[in-house]
N, C-alpha and C. Protein backbone atom coordinates (compact mmCIF):
# COMPACT_ATOMS: atom_id res chain seq x y z
N UNK A 1 97.44 76.08 96.73
CA UNK A 1 98.33 76.58 97.09
C UNK A 1 98.29 76.78 95.04
N UNK A 2 98.84 78.12 95.25
CA UNK A 2 99.04 78.82 93.70
C UNK A 2 100.33 79.68 94.05
N UNK A 3 100.82 79.45 91.94
CA UNK A 3 101.99 79.84 92.01
C UNK A 3 102.45 80.87 91.32
N UNK A 4 103.04 82.33 91.73
CA UNK A 4 102.96 83.58 90.49
C UNK A 4 103.68 83.28 89.61
N UNK A 5 104.06 83.93 89.18
CA UNK A 5 105.35 84.81 87.85
C UNK A 5 106.36 84.12 88.32
N UNK A 6 106.84 84.50 89.36
CA UNK A 6 108.54 84.11 90.20
C UNK A 6 108.53 83.50 91.16
N UNK A 7 107.63 82.09 90.80
CA UNK A 7 107.50 80.76 91.93
C UNK A 7 106.98 81.33 92.76
N UNK A 8 107.45 82.24 93.67
CA UNK A 8 106.27 82.10 94.71
C UNK A 8 105.00 81.28 95.17
N UNK A 9 105.02 80.71 96.10
CA UNK A 9 103.33 80.09 96.56
C UNK A 9 102.80 81.48 97.60
N UNK A 10 102.01 81.48 96.82
CA UNK A 10 100.38 82.43 97.14
C UNK A 10 99.37 80.65 98.22
N UNK A 11 98.11 81.25 99.28
CA UNK A 11 97.97 80.03 99.83
C UNK A 11 96.33 80.76 99.33
N UNK A 12 95.63 80.06 99.20
CA UNK A 12 94.34 80.45 99.49
C UNK A 12 93.05 79.23 100.30
N UNK A 13 92.10 80.11 100.53
CA UNK A 13 91.54 78.82 101.67
C UNK A 13 90.82 78.30 100.83
N UNK A 14 90.52 77.10 100.84
CA UNK A 14 89.65 76.69 99.67
C UNK A 14 87.64 76.19 99.94
N UNK A 15 87.71 76.39 98.73
CA UNK A 15 85.66 76.42 98.96
C UNK A 15 85.59 74.77 97.72
N UNK A 16 84.50 75.13 98.05
CA UNK A 16 83.44 73.80 97.09
C UNK A 16 84.15 73.88 95.97
N UNK A 17 84.96 72.19 95.43
CA UNK A 17 85.98 72.07 94.18
C UNK A 17 87.07 72.68 94.14
N UNK A 18 87.71 72.48 93.42
CA UNK A 18 88.78 73.31 92.92
C UNK A 18 88.52 74.05 92.24
N UNK A 19 90.06 75.65 92.84
CA UNK A 19 89.88 76.83 92.59
C UNK A 19 91.07 77.16 91.19
N UNK A 20 90.26 77.76 89.73
CA UNK A 20 90.98 77.37 89.15
C UNK A 20 91.22 79.30 88.98
N UNK A 21 91.86 79.63 88.50
CA UNK A 21 92.69 81.43 88.42
C UNK A 21 92.07 81.34 87.45
N UNK A 22 91.67 82.95 86.27
CA UNK A 22 91.42 83.04 85.07
C UNK A 22 92.68 83.43 85.14
N UNK A 23 92.41 83.67 83.58
CA UNK A 23 94.51 84.72 82.88
C UNK A 23 93.84 86.12 83.43
N UNK A 24 92.54 86.68 83.87
CA UNK A 24 92.98 88.06 84.59
C UNK A 24 93.72 87.57 86.02
N UNK A 25 93.20 87.01 87.03
CA UNK A 25 93.52 86.23 88.29
C UNK A 25 95.20 86.54 87.86
N UNK A 26 95.89 85.71 87.14
CA UNK A 26 97.04 85.82 87.34
C UNK A 26 98.12 86.93 86.52
N UNK A 27 97.16 87.18 85.52
CA UNK A 27 97.91 88.68 85.22
C UNK A 27 97.64 89.49 85.99
N UNK A 28 96.58 89.38 87.25
CA UNK A 28 96.44 90.74 88.68
C UNK A 28 97.78 90.56 89.09
N UNK A 29 97.48 88.94 89.24
CA UNK A 29 99.52 88.84 90.23
C UNK A 29 100.53 88.68 89.90
N UNK A 30 100.84 88.96 88.65
CA UNK A 30 102.21 88.97 87.51
C UNK A 30 102.40 90.72 87.91
N UNK A 31 101.50 91.18 88.21
CA UNK A 31 101.73 93.11 88.21
C UNK A 31 101.64 93.39 89.33
N UNK A 32 101.44 92.26 90.54
CA UNK A 32 101.49 92.80 91.68
C UNK A 32 102.95 92.60 92.27
N UNK A 33 103.21 91.40 91.17
CA UNK A 33 105.03 90.81 91.46
C UNK A 33 105.96 91.65 91.08
N UNK A 34 105.19 92.66 90.05
CA UNK A 34 106.10 93.43 89.32
C UNK A 34 106.40 95.08 90.03
N UNK A 35 104.69 95.09 90.58
CA UNK A 35 105.14 96.18 91.92
C UNK A 35 105.63 96.02 92.81
N UNK A 36 106.36 94.89 92.85
CA UNK A 36 107.10 94.31 94.64
C UNK A 36 105.18 94.24 95.56
N UNK A 37 104.38 94.22 95.52
CA UNK A 37 103.72 94.01 96.44
C UNK A 37 103.29 92.36 96.14
N UNK A 38 103.99 91.05 96.06
CA UNK A 38 104.04 90.14 95.69
C UNK A 38 103.82 89.54 97.57
N UNK A 39 103.21 89.00 97.43
CA UNK A 39 102.77 87.62 99.27
C UNK A 39 104.41 87.20 99.31
N UNK A 40 105.13 87.00 98.89
CA UNK A 40 105.93 86.47 99.47
C UNK A 40 107.23 87.05 100.28
N UNK A 41 106.26 88.31 99.69
CA UNK A 41 107.63 89.47 100.48
C UNK A 41 106.88 89.94 102.02
N UNK A 42 106.24 90.04 101.38
CA UNK A 42 104.81 90.13 103.29
C UNK A 42 105.54 88.64 104.16
N UNK A 43 104.85 87.06 103.55
CA UNK A 43 105.40 86.55 104.50
C UNK A 43 106.83 86.40 105.09
N UNK A 44 107.54 87.16 104.09
CA UNK A 44 109.00 86.68 104.33
C UNK A 44 109.20 87.74 105.47
N UNK A 45 108.72 89.00 105.58
CA UNK A 45 109.20 90.13 106.61
C UNK A 45 108.69 90.24 107.97
N UNK A 46 107.54 89.21 108.36
CA UNK A 46 106.88 89.39 109.38
C UNK A 46 106.19 87.99 109.57
N UNK A 47 106.42 87.22 108.67
CA UNK A 47 106.15 85.77 108.94
C UNK A 47 104.46 85.28 108.98
N UNK A 48 103.54 86.15 108.62
CA UNK A 48 102.16 86.22 108.19
C UNK A 48 101.84 85.57 107.15
N UNK A 49 100.29 84.76 106.92
CA UNK A 49 100.30 84.13 106.11
C UNK A 49 99.25 85.23 105.11
N UNK A 50 99.31 84.53 104.12
CA UNK A 50 98.66 84.95 102.99
C UNK A 50 97.90 84.57 102.23
N UNK A 51 96.19 84.67 102.26
CA UNK A 51 95.32 84.75 101.24
C UNK A 51 94.58 85.06 100.11
N UNK A 52 94.41 84.92 98.90
CA UNK A 52 94.12 85.58 98.06
C UNK A 52 92.60 84.53 97.34
N UNK A 53 92.11 85.84 97.13
CA UNK A 53 90.70 85.68 96.77
C UNK A 53 90.36 86.36 94.95
N UNK A 54 89.21 85.95 94.42
CA UNK A 54 89.13 86.63 93.24
C UNK A 54 87.72 86.62 93.75
N UNK A 55 87.06 86.96 92.83
CA UNK A 55 85.26 87.02 92.66
C UNK A 55 83.92 85.99 92.62
N UNK A 56 85.20 84.33 92.28
CA UNK A 56 85.06 83.41 92.56
C UNK A 56 84.32 82.85 93.97
N UNK A 57 85.17 83.65 95.11
CA UNK A 57 85.26 82.92 96.69
C UNK A 57 83.37 84.03 96.84
N UNK A 58 82.94 83.99 97.88
CA UNK A 58 81.96 84.00 97.91
C UNK A 58 81.97 85.47 98.62
N UNK A 59 82.36 85.58 99.48
CA UNK A 59 82.18 86.65 100.40
C UNK A 59 82.81 87.90 99.31
N UNK A 60 83.53 87.57 98.43
CA UNK A 60 84.56 88.81 97.29
C UNK A 60 84.05 88.86 95.89
N UNK A 61 82.59 87.98 95.85
CA UNK A 61 81.84 87.90 94.49
C UNK A 61 81.35 89.26 93.87
N UNK A 62 81.56 90.65 94.83
CA UNK A 62 81.31 91.67 94.63
C UNK A 62 82.43 91.84 93.55
N UNK A 63 84.24 91.47 93.61
CA UNK A 63 85.24 92.44 93.27
C UNK A 63 84.37 92.10 91.60
N UNK A 64 85.21 92.75 90.27
CA UNK A 64 85.26 92.94 89.34
C UNK A 64 86.08 91.53 88.37
N UNK A 65 86.10 90.96 87.20
CA UNK A 65 87.06 90.41 86.95
C UNK A 65 88.09 91.30 86.85
N UNK A 66 89.35 90.24 87.22
CA UNK A 66 90.65 91.17 87.41
C UNK A 66 91.05 91.45 88.74
N UNK A 67 90.42 91.81 89.78
CA UNK A 67 90.64 92.52 91.34
C UNK A 67 90.88 91.73 92.63
N UNK A 68 91.60 91.17 93.37
CA UNK A 68 91.86 90.66 94.09
C UNK A 68 91.69 90.89 95.16
N UNK A 69 91.38 90.56 96.85
CA UNK A 69 91.71 90.86 97.83
C UNK A 69 92.97 89.99 98.56
N UNK A 70 93.22 90.40 99.33
CA UNK A 70 94.17 89.66 99.94
C UNK A 70 93.86 89.56 101.92
N UNK A 71 93.83 88.28 102.37
CA UNK A 71 93.56 88.60 103.73
C UNK A 71 95.15 87.97 104.45
N UNK A 72 95.49 88.86 105.21
CA UNK A 72 96.85 88.39 105.68
C UNK A 72 97.12 88.48 107.62
N UNK A 73 97.57 87.59 107.55
CA UNK A 73 97.35 87.30 108.93
C UNK A 73 98.57 86.84 109.72
N UNK A 74 98.70 88.44 110.78
CA UNK A 74 99.99 88.07 110.97
C UNK A 74 100.04 87.52 112.45
N UNK A 75 101.45 86.98 112.73
CA UNK A 75 102.45 86.36 113.81
C UNK A 75 100.66 86.54 114.90
N UNK A 76 100.50 88.45 115.04
CA UNK A 76 99.92 88.03 116.63
C UNK A 76 98.10 87.47 116.28
N UNK A 77 97.35 87.14 114.76
CA UNK A 77 96.39 86.72 114.97
C UNK A 77 95.20 87.97 114.10
N UNK A 78 96.09 89.21 113.89
CA UNK A 78 95.27 89.93 113.61
C UNK A 78 95.12 89.77 111.94
N UNK A 79 93.94 89.99 111.33
CA UNK A 79 93.42 90.61 110.41
C UNK A 79 94.01 91.69 109.13
N UNK A 80 94.86 91.78 108.25
CA UNK A 80 94.43 93.12 107.13
C UNK A 80 94.19 92.54 106.71
N UNK A 81 93.34 93.38 105.38
CA UNK A 81 92.83 92.96 104.43
C UNK A 81 93.43 93.89 103.34
N UNK A 82 93.58 93.52 102.34
CA UNK A 82 93.73 94.34 100.99
C UNK A 82 93.34 94.49 99.78
N UNK A 83 93.28 95.03 98.96
CA UNK A 83 92.46 94.54 97.54
C UNK A 83 93.60 95.64 96.84
N UNK A 84 93.13 94.52 95.02
CA UNK A 84 94.68 95.20 94.22
C UNK A 84 93.40 95.51 93.31
N UNK A 85 93.48 95.61 92.00
CA UNK A 85 93.16 95.78 90.56
C UNK A 85 94.46 95.49 89.75
N UNK A 86 93.29 95.67 88.70
CA UNK A 86 94.45 94.78 87.48
C UNK A 86 95.97 94.98 87.35
N UNK A 87 96.48 96.42 87.69
CA UNK A 87 96.92 96.53 87.19
C UNK A 87 98.31 96.57 88.38
N UNK A 88 97.89 96.10 89.92
CA UNK A 88 98.50 95.42 90.79
C UNK A 88 98.47 97.05 92.01
N UNK A 89 97.85 97.95 91.66
CA UNK A 89 97.20 98.66 92.38
C UNK A 89 96.66 98.46 93.61
N UNK A 90 97.56 98.98 94.82
CA UNK A 90 96.72 98.67 96.35
C UNK A 90 95.60 99.38 96.93
N UNK A 91 94.48 98.93 97.65
CA UNK A 91 93.33 99.25 98.36
C UNK A 91 93.54 98.78 99.44
N UNK A 92 93.47 99.40 100.39
CA UNK A 92 93.16 98.93 102.30
C UNK A 92 91.98 99.14 102.59
N UNK A 93 91.08 99.20 101.95
CA UNK A 93 89.82 99.19 102.42
C UNK A 93 88.74 99.12 101.59
N UNK A 94 87.50 98.40 101.75
CA UNK A 94 86.28 98.12 100.40
C UNK A 94 85.93 99.33 100.01
N UNK A 95 85.85 100.04 101.05
CA UNK A 95 85.10 101.73 100.57
C UNK A 95 85.70 102.02 99.84
N UNK A 96 87.38 102.23 99.56
CA UNK A 96 88.15 102.70 98.48
C UNK A 96 88.06 102.62 97.16
N UNK A 97 88.10 100.90 96.66
CA UNK A 97 87.95 100.47 96.07
C UNK A 97 86.44 100.50 94.96
N UNK A 98 85.32 100.87 95.86
CA UNK A 98 84.53 101.45 95.33
C UNK A 98 84.08 102.96 95.16
N UNK A 99 84.61 103.41 96.23
CA UNK A 99 85.70 105.18 95.58
C UNK A 99 85.77 105.57 94.43
N UNK A 100 87.07 104.07 93.76
CA UNK A 100 87.82 103.95 92.56
C UNK A 100 86.65 104.00 91.07
N UNK A 101 85.85 102.91 91.46
CA UNK A 101 85.28 102.35 90.63
C UNK A 101 84.51 103.03 90.75
N UNK A 102 83.83 104.39 91.64
CA UNK A 102 82.36 105.54 91.35
C UNK A 102 83.60 106.59 90.34
N UNK A 103 84.70 106.48 89.91
CA UNK A 103 85.53 107.68 89.68
C UNK A 103 85.25 107.57 87.91
N UNK A 104 85.09 106.07 87.88
CA UNK A 104 85.11 105.36 85.92
C UNK A 104 83.85 105.02 85.58
N UNK A 105 82.68 105.51 86.82
CA UNK A 105 81.14 105.04 86.30
C UNK A 105 80.61 103.87 86.51
N UNK A 106 81.69 102.13 87.60
CA UNK A 106 81.23 101.44 87.76
C UNK A 106 79.92 101.70 89.03
N UNK A 107 79.11 101.24 89.03
CA UNK A 107 77.93 101.44 89.69
C UNK A 107 77.50 99.51 90.49
N UNK A 108 78.11 99.48 91.73
CA UNK A 108 78.25 99.17 93.03
C UNK A 108 76.52 98.83 93.08
N UNK A 109 75.75 97.28 92.95
CA UNK A 109 74.56 97.46 93.98
C UNK A 109 74.75 96.10 94.88
N UNK A 110 74.91 96.45 96.60
CA UNK A 110 75.26 95.58 97.06
C UNK A 110 73.47 94.55 97.80
N UNK A 111 73.85 93.07 97.59
CA UNK A 111 72.57 91.87 97.54
C UNK A 111 72.17 92.69 99.02
């Protein structure tokens, strides 16, 4: 579990080894909190559980440094995925992230 700048806790699924957030990951979390996209708000609203990932998680290794993915599971069991850029901007689908990168000249090559 990781704490954000305002002291709220963020749950994260564990992989081999210990998750050590980078400075970019922590900066993105702080920007999300500043924009009101923090995880504690989502959980308080709906009883949802939020898990965050950066590019160190195998299924999100495609993310650029500083970008985060959130898996939010609501009380009904439904899974929602959200993506956040380093400034805390939210995207609701992978294709939105890839479209944004394309606008800035980033080329994504899928394995």
